[in-house]
Amino acid sequence: MTLVPKDAKELKIENSTVNFYEFIQNGSKTYYFDSSECVPPEPMINAMLGLQLLKHKDDTLIMINHTAPNGLFPKIQSNYNFEILNIDNGKVEVTFHYKLGTAVSTDFADNTCG
């Protein structure tokens, strides 16, 4: 499980319902948020907002959630790779990376769970 360093910078993300953090991990910019205490559709909304932060090839977004956000994956799979790791208390850590060489086709306004 990724731990947020004490020197992580808190970001103000408009319309998010959780805190986002930015820090350097393994030499790359990493963004982090924990939506594990949120109820739908908040995790989807926060994930869509967080994915828009990924601007460079090595940028990473880490999401902590109460379950894998399976409704999110089909919406983003053309532009983002993701890995799921089961962590403590039945939660999951999802790590996202932008797929290089793809034109952004993700509809970030499509942030509903259905």
N, C-alpha and C. Protein backbone atom coordinates (compact mmCIF):
# COMPACT_ATOMS: atom_id res chain seq x y z
N MET A 1 0.84 -1.19 0.00
CA MET A 1 0.00 0.00 0.00
C MET A 1 0.88 1.24 0.00
N THR A 2 0.51 2.19 -0.80
CA THR A 2 1.26 3.44 -0.90
C THR A 2 0.94 4.32 0.30
N LEU A 3 1.98 4.81 0.94
CA LEU A 3 1.81 5.75 2.04
C LEU A 3 2.10 7.15 1.53
N VAL A 4 1.27 8.08 1.91
CA VAL A 4 1.47 9.46 1.48
C VAL A 4 2.55 10.08 2.36
N PRO A 5 3.63 10.58 1.75
CA PRO A 5 4.71 11.20 2.54
C PRO A 5 4.21 12.45 3.28
N LYS A 6 4.86 12.74 4.39
CA LYS A 6 4.48 13.92 5.19
C LYS A 6 4.64 15.21 4.41
N ASP A 7 5.55 15.24 3.44
CA ASP A 7 5.77 16.46 2.68
C ASP A 7 4.91 16.54 1.41
N ALA A 8 3.93 15.63 1.27
CA ALA A 8 3.05 15.66 0.11
C ALA A 8 2.28 16.97 0.09
N LYS A 9 2.05 17.46 -1.10
CA LYS A 9 1.32 18.71 -1.29
C LYS A 9 -0.16 18.39 -1.49
N GLU A 10 -1.01 19.01 -0.68
CA GLU A 10 -2.44 18.83 -0.85
C GLU A 10 -2.92 19.70 -2.01
N LEU A 11 -3.71 19.11 -2.90
CA LEU A 11 -4.23 19.82 -4.07
C LEU A 11 -5.69 20.15 -3.86
N LYS A 12 -6.10 21.27 -4.36
CA LYS A 12 -7.51 21.66 -4.36
C LYS A 12 -8.06 21.33 -5.74
N ILE A 13 -8.89 20.31 -5.81
CA ILE A 13 -9.48 19.88 -7.07
C ILE A 13 -10.97 20.23 -7.05
N GLU A 14 -11.37 21.11 -7.94
CA GLU A 14 -12.76 21.54 -7.98
C GLU A 14 -13.69 20.35 -8.21
N ASN A 15 -14.76 20.27 -7.44
CA ASN A 15 -15.79 19.23 -7.50
C ASN A 15 -15.39 17.89 -6.90
N SER A 16 -14.18 17.78 -6.35
CA SER A 16 -13.81 16.52 -5.70
C SER A 16 -14.45 16.46 -4.32
N THR A 17 -14.66 15.24 -3.84
CA THR A 17 -15.26 15.07 -2.52
C THR A 17 -14.26 14.51 -1.52
N VAL A 18 -13.00 14.38 -1.94
CA VAL A 18 -11.92 13.89 -1.09
C VAL A 18 -10.70 14.76 -1.29
N ASN A 19 -9.72 14.60 -0.43
CA ASN A 19 -8.46 15.32 -0.59
C ASN A 19 -7.58 14.59 -1.60
N PHE A 20 -6.92 15.36 -2.44
CA PHE A 20 -5.93 14.83 -3.37
C PHE A 20 -4.56 15.30 -2.91
N TYR A 21 -3.55 14.47 -3.15
CA TYR A 21 -2.18 14.80 -2.76
C TYR A 21 -1.26 14.56 -3.94
N GLU A 22 -0.19 15.34 -3.99
CA GLU A 22 0.84 15.22 -5.02
C GLU A 22 2.18 15.04 -4.33
N PHE A 23 2.97 14.08 -4.82
CA PHE A 23 4.31 13.87 -4.28
C PHE A 23 5.15 13.14 -5.32
N ILE A 24 6.43 13.10 -5.08
CA ILE A 24 7.35 12.40 -5.97
C ILE A 24 7.61 11.01 -5.39
N GLN A 25 7.42 9.99 -6.22
CA GLN A 25 7.67 8.61 -5.83
C GLN A 25 8.47 7.94 -6.94
N ASN A 26 9.60 7.38 -6.59
CA ASN A 26 10.47 6.74 -7.58
C ASN A 26 10.83 7.69 -8.72
N GLY A 27 11.00 8.96 -8.41
CA GLY A 27 11.41 9.94 -9.39
C GLY A 27 10.28 10.48 -10.27
N SER A 28 9.06 10.06 -10.04
CA SER A 28 7.94 10.49 -10.88
C SER A 28 6.86 11.16 -10.04
N LYS A 29 6.09 12.02 -10.68
CA LYS A 29 5.00 12.71 -10.01
C LYS A 29 3.86 11.72 -9.76
N THR A 30 3.41 11.68 -8.52
CA THR A 30 2.34 10.76 -8.13
C THR A 30 1.22 11.57 -7.49
N TYR A 31 0.00 11.23 -7.88
CA TYR A 31 -1.20 11.82 -7.31
C TYR A 31 -1.93 10.72 -6.56
N TYR A 32 -2.56 11.07 -5.44
CA TYR A 32 -3.16 10.08 -4.57
C TYR A 32 -4.48 10.61 -4.01
N PHE A 33 -5.46 9.72 -3.90
CA PHE A 33 -6.69 10.04 -3.19
C PHE A 33 -7.30 8.76 -2.63
N ASP A 34 -8.06 8.93 -1.57
CA ASP A 34 -8.70 7.80 -0.89
C ASP A 34 -10.20 8.02 -0.90
N SER A 35 -10.91 7.22 -1.68
CA SER A 35 -12.36 7.33 -1.77
C SER A 35 -13.05 6.14 -1.09
N SER A 36 -12.32 5.44 -0.25
CA SER A 36 -12.85 4.22 0.36
C SER A 36 -14.03 4.47 1.31
N GLU A 37 -14.18 5.67 1.78
CA GLU A 37 -15.30 5.99 2.68
C GLU A 37 -16.44 6.68 1.93
N CYS A 38 -16.30 6.84 0.64
CA CYS A 38 -17.31 7.51 -0.18
C CYS A 38 -18.38 6.53 -0.65
N VAL A 39 -19.51 7.08 -1.04
CA VAL A 39 -20.58 6.26 -1.63
C VAL A 39 -20.72 6.67 -3.10
N PRO A 40 -21.20 5.72 -3.95
CA PRO A 40 -21.38 6.05 -5.36
C PRO A 40 -22.30 7.25 -5.52
N PRO A 41 -22.01 8.10 -6.46
CA PRO A 41 -21.01 8.02 -7.53
C PRO A 41 -19.69 8.73 -7.20
N GLU A 42 -19.46 9.09 -5.93
CA GLU A 42 -18.28 9.87 -5.58
C GLU A 42 -16.95 9.24 -6.03
N PRO A 43 -16.72 7.94 -5.84
CA PRO A 43 -15.43 7.39 -6.30
C PRO A 43 -15.21 7.59 -7.80
N MET A 44 -16.27 7.41 -8.59
CA MET A 44 -16.16 7.60 -10.04
C MET A 44 -15.85 9.06 -10.37
N ILE A 45 -16.54 9.97 -9.73
CA ILE A 45 -16.31 11.40 -9.96
C ILE A 45 -14.88 11.76 -9.61
N ASN A 46 -14.43 11.33 -8.44
CA ASN A 46 -13.06 11.65 -8.01
C ASN A 46 -12.02 11.02 -8.93
N ALA A 47 -12.25 9.79 -9.37
CA ALA A 47 -11.30 9.14 -10.28
C ALA A 47 -11.20 9.91 -11.60
N MET A 48 -12.34 10.32 -12.14
CA MET A 48 -12.32 11.08 -13.41
C MET A 48 -11.57 12.41 -13.24
N LEU A 49 -11.75 13.05 -12.10
CA LEU A 49 -11.01 14.29 -11.83
C LEU A 49 -9.52 14.01 -11.70
N GLY A 50 -9.17 12.95 -11.00
CA GLY A 50 -7.76 12.60 -10.81
C GLY A 50 -7.07 12.21 -12.10
N LEU A 51 -7.75 11.49 -12.96
CA LEU A 51 -7.13 11.07 -14.23
C LEU A 51 -6.73 12.27 -15.08
N GLN A 52 -7.45 13.36 -14.96
CA GLN A 52 -7.12 14.55 -15.73
C GLN A 52 -5.84 15.21 -15.27
N LEU A 53 -5.32 14.81 -14.11
CA LEU A 53 -4.04 15.35 -13.62
C LEU A 53 -2.85 14.73 -14.32
N LEU A 54 -3.02 13.55 -14.92
CA LEU A 54 -1.91 12.85 -15.55
C LEU A 54 -1.55 13.53 -16.87
N LYS A 55 -0.41 14.21 -16.87
CA LYS A 55 -0.01 15.00 -18.04
C LYS A 55 1.27 14.49 -18.71
N HIS A 56 2.08 13.71 -17.97
CA HIS A 56 3.37 13.26 -18.48
C HIS A 56 3.45 11.74 -18.44
N LYS A 57 4.33 11.17 -19.22
CA LYS A 57 4.39 9.72 -19.39
C LYS A 57 4.63 8.95 -18.09
N ASP A 58 5.32 9.53 -17.14
CA ASP A 58 5.62 8.81 -15.91
C ASP A 58 4.70 9.18 -14.75
N ASP A 59 3.73 10.06 -14.96
CA ASP A 59 2.81 10.44 -13.90
C ASP A 59 1.96 9.23 -13.49
N THR A 60 1.62 9.17 -12.21
CA THR A 60 0.85 8.07 -11.67
C THR A 60 -0.30 8.63 -10.83
N LEU A 61 -1.45 7.96 -10.90
CA LEU A 61 -2.58 8.27 -10.02
C LEU A 61 -2.86 7.02 -9.21
N ILE A 62 -2.95 7.19 -7.90
CA ILE A 62 -3.27 6.08 -7.00
C ILE A 62 -4.60 6.37 -6.32
N MET A 63 -5.49 5.41 -6.45
CA MET A 63 -6.82 5.50 -5.84
C MET A 63 -6.96 4.40 -4.81
N ILE A 64 -7.38 4.75 -3.61
CA ILE A 64 -7.76 3.75 -2.61
C ILE A 64 -9.27 3.73 -2.59
N ASN A 65 -9.86 2.54 -2.67
CA ASN A 65 -11.31 2.44 -2.71
C ASN A 65 -11.76 1.20 -1.94
N HIS A 66 -13.04 1.15 -1.63
CA HIS A 66 -13.58 0.01 -0.89
C HIS A 66 -13.72 -1.22 -1.77
N THR A 67 -13.73 -1.05 -3.08
CA THR A 67 -13.80 -2.14 -4.04
C THR A 67 -13.24 -1.67 -5.37
N ALA A 68 -12.92 -2.60 -6.25
CA ALA A 68 -12.44 -2.21 -7.58
C ALA A 68 -13.56 -1.45 -8.30
N PRO A 69 -13.25 -0.29 -8.88
CA PRO A 69 -14.28 0.50 -9.56
C PRO A 69 -14.53 -0.03 -10.97
N ASN A 70 -15.17 -1.20 -11.06
CA ASN A 70 -15.35 -1.88 -12.34
C ASN A 70 -16.15 -1.09 -13.35
N GLY A 71 -17.03 -0.21 -12.90
CA GLY A 71 -17.77 0.64 -13.84
C GLY A 71 -16.90 1.69 -14.50
N LEU A 72 -15.79 2.01 -13.86
CA LEU A 72 -14.86 3.01 -14.40
C LEU A 72 -14.01 2.46 -15.54
N PHE A 73 -13.58 1.23 -15.43
CA PHE A 73 -12.58 0.69 -16.35
C PHE A 73 -12.98 0.74 -17.82
N PRO A 74 -14.21 0.35 -18.20
CA PRO A 74 -14.56 0.45 -19.63
C PRO A 74 -14.55 1.87 -20.16
N LYS A 75 -14.80 2.85 -19.30
CA LYS A 75 -14.85 4.25 -19.71
C LYS A 75 -13.46 4.82 -20.01
N ILE A 76 -12.42 4.22 -19.42
CA ILE A 76 -11.08 4.80 -19.53
C ILE A 76 -10.06 3.91 -20.21
N GLN A 77 -10.42 2.66 -20.52
CA GLN A 77 -9.43 1.68 -20.97
C GLN A 77 -8.72 2.03 -22.27
N SER A 78 -9.29 2.89 -23.08
CA SER A 78 -8.61 3.26 -24.32
C SER A 78 -7.44 4.21 -24.06
N ASN A 79 -7.47 4.93 -22.94
CA ASN A 79 -6.42 5.91 -22.65
C ASN A 79 -5.57 5.61 -21.42
N TYR A 80 -6.01 4.71 -20.57
CA TYR A 80 -5.29 4.49 -19.31
C TYR A 80 -5.08 3.01 -19.02
N ASN A 81 -3.90 2.69 -18.53
CA ASN A 81 -3.62 1.37 -17.97
C ASN A 81 -3.90 1.45 -16.48
N PHE A 82 -4.27 0.34 -15.88
CA PHE A 82 -4.53 0.31 -14.45
C PHE A 82 -4.17 -1.05 -13.88
N GLU A 83 -3.74 -1.03 -12.64
CA GLU A 83 -3.41 -2.24 -11.90
C GLU A 83 -4.17 -2.19 -10.59
N ILE A 84 -4.68 -3.34 -10.16
CA ILE A 84 -5.45 -3.43 -8.93
C ILE A 84 -4.68 -4.28 -7.93
N LEU A 85 -4.56 -3.77 -6.71
CA LEU A 85 -3.88 -4.48 -5.64
C LEU A 85 -4.83 -4.54 -4.43
N ASN A 86 -5.09 -5.74 -3.94
CA ASN A 86 -5.89 -5.88 -2.72
C ASN A 86 -5.02 -5.49 -1.53
N ILE A 87 -5.58 -4.62 -0.66
CA ILE A 87 -4.82 -4.15 0.49
C ILE A 87 -5.61 -4.40 1.77
N ASP A 88 -5.18 -3.81 2.85
CA ASP A 88 -5.78 -4.02 4.17
C ASP A 88 -7.27 -3.73 4.21
N ASN A 89 -7.95 -4.43 5.11
CA ASN A 89 -9.37 -4.19 5.41
C ASN A 89 -10.28 -4.39 4.20
N GLY A 90 -9.88 -5.23 3.24
CA GLY A 90 -10.71 -5.50 2.08
C GLY A 90 -10.74 -4.41 1.04
N LYS A 91 -9.92 -3.39 1.21
CA LYS A 91 -9.86 -2.27 0.25
C LYS A 91 -8.95 -2.63 -0.92
N VAL A 92 -9.00 -1.81 -1.95
CA VAL A 92 -8.14 -1.98 -3.10
C VAL A 92 -7.36 -0.70 -3.38
N GLU A 93 -6.18 -0.87 -3.94
CA GLU A 93 -5.37 0.24 -4.43
C GLU A 93 -5.32 0.09 -5.94
N VAL A 94 -5.79 1.10 -6.65
CA VAL A 94 -5.77 1.08 -8.12
C VAL A 94 -4.76 2.12 -8.57
N THR A 95 -3.80 1.68 -9.38
CA THR A 95 -2.77 2.57 -9.91
C THR A 95 -3.02 2.78 -11.39
N PHE A 96 -3.09 4.03 -11.80
CA PHE A 96 -3.39 4.39 -13.19
C PHE A 96 -2.17 5.06 -13.83
N HIS A 97 -1.98 4.77 -15.13
CA HIS A 97 -0.99 5.45 -15.96
C HIS A 97 -1.64 5.76 -17.30
N TYR A 98 -1.28 6.90 -17.87
CA TYR A 98 -1.77 7.26 -19.20
C TYR A 98 -1.07 6.39 -20.24
N LYS A 99 -1.82 5.88 -21.21
CA LYS A 99 -1.25 5.08 -22.29
C LYS A 99 -0.59 6.03 -23.29
N LEU A 100 0.68 5.89 -23.46
CA LEU A 100 1.41 6.75 -24.39
C LEU A 100 0.93 6.53 -25.82
N GLY A 101 0.92 7.59 -26.59
CA GLY A 101 0.59 7.50 -28.00
C GLY A 101 -0.90 7.41 -28.29
N THR A 102 -1.74 7.61 -27.30
CA THR A 102 -3.18 7.58 -27.54
C THR A 102 -3.73 9.00 -27.51
N ALA A 103 -4.68 9.26 -28.38
CA ALA A 103 -5.36 10.54 -28.35
C ALA A 103 -6.43 10.46 -27.25
N VAL A 104 -6.54 11.48 -26.47
CA VAL A 104 -7.49 11.45 -25.36
C VAL A 104 -8.91 11.31 -25.91
N SER A 105 -9.54 10.20 -25.58
CA SER A 105 -10.92 9.97 -26.01
C SER A 105 -11.84 9.72 -24.81
N THR A 106 -11.29 9.73 -23.62
CA THR A 106 -12.08 9.52 -22.43
C THR A 106 -13.02 10.70 -22.23
N ASP A 107 -14.29 10.38 -22.01
CA ASP A 107 -15.30 11.41 -21.73
C ASP A 107 -15.33 11.62 -20.22
N PHE A 108 -14.64 12.64 -19.74
CA PHE A 108 -14.54 12.88 -18.31
C PHE A 108 -15.86 13.33 -17.69
N ALA A 109 -16.80 13.77 -18.50
CA ALA A 109 -18.10 14.16 -17.98
C ALA A 109 -18.97 12.92 -17.70
N ASP A 110 -18.60 11.77 -18.27
CA ASP A 110 -19.34 10.53 -18.06
C ASP A 110 -18.84 9.90 -16.78
N ASN A 111 -19.31 10.41 -15.66
CA ASN A 111 -18.80 9.95 -14.37
C ASN A 111 -19.90 9.32 -13.52
N THR A 112 -20.86 8.67 -14.18
CA THR A 112 -21.89 7.96 -13.46
C THR A 112 -21.53 6.49 -13.37
N CYS A 113 -22.10 5.81 -12.42
CA CYS A 113 -21.76 4.41 -12.18
C CYS A 113 -22.55 3.46 -13.06
N GLY A 114 -23.66 3.90 -13.61
CA GLY A 114 -24.54 3.01 -14.38
C GLY A 114 -24.07 2.76 -15.77
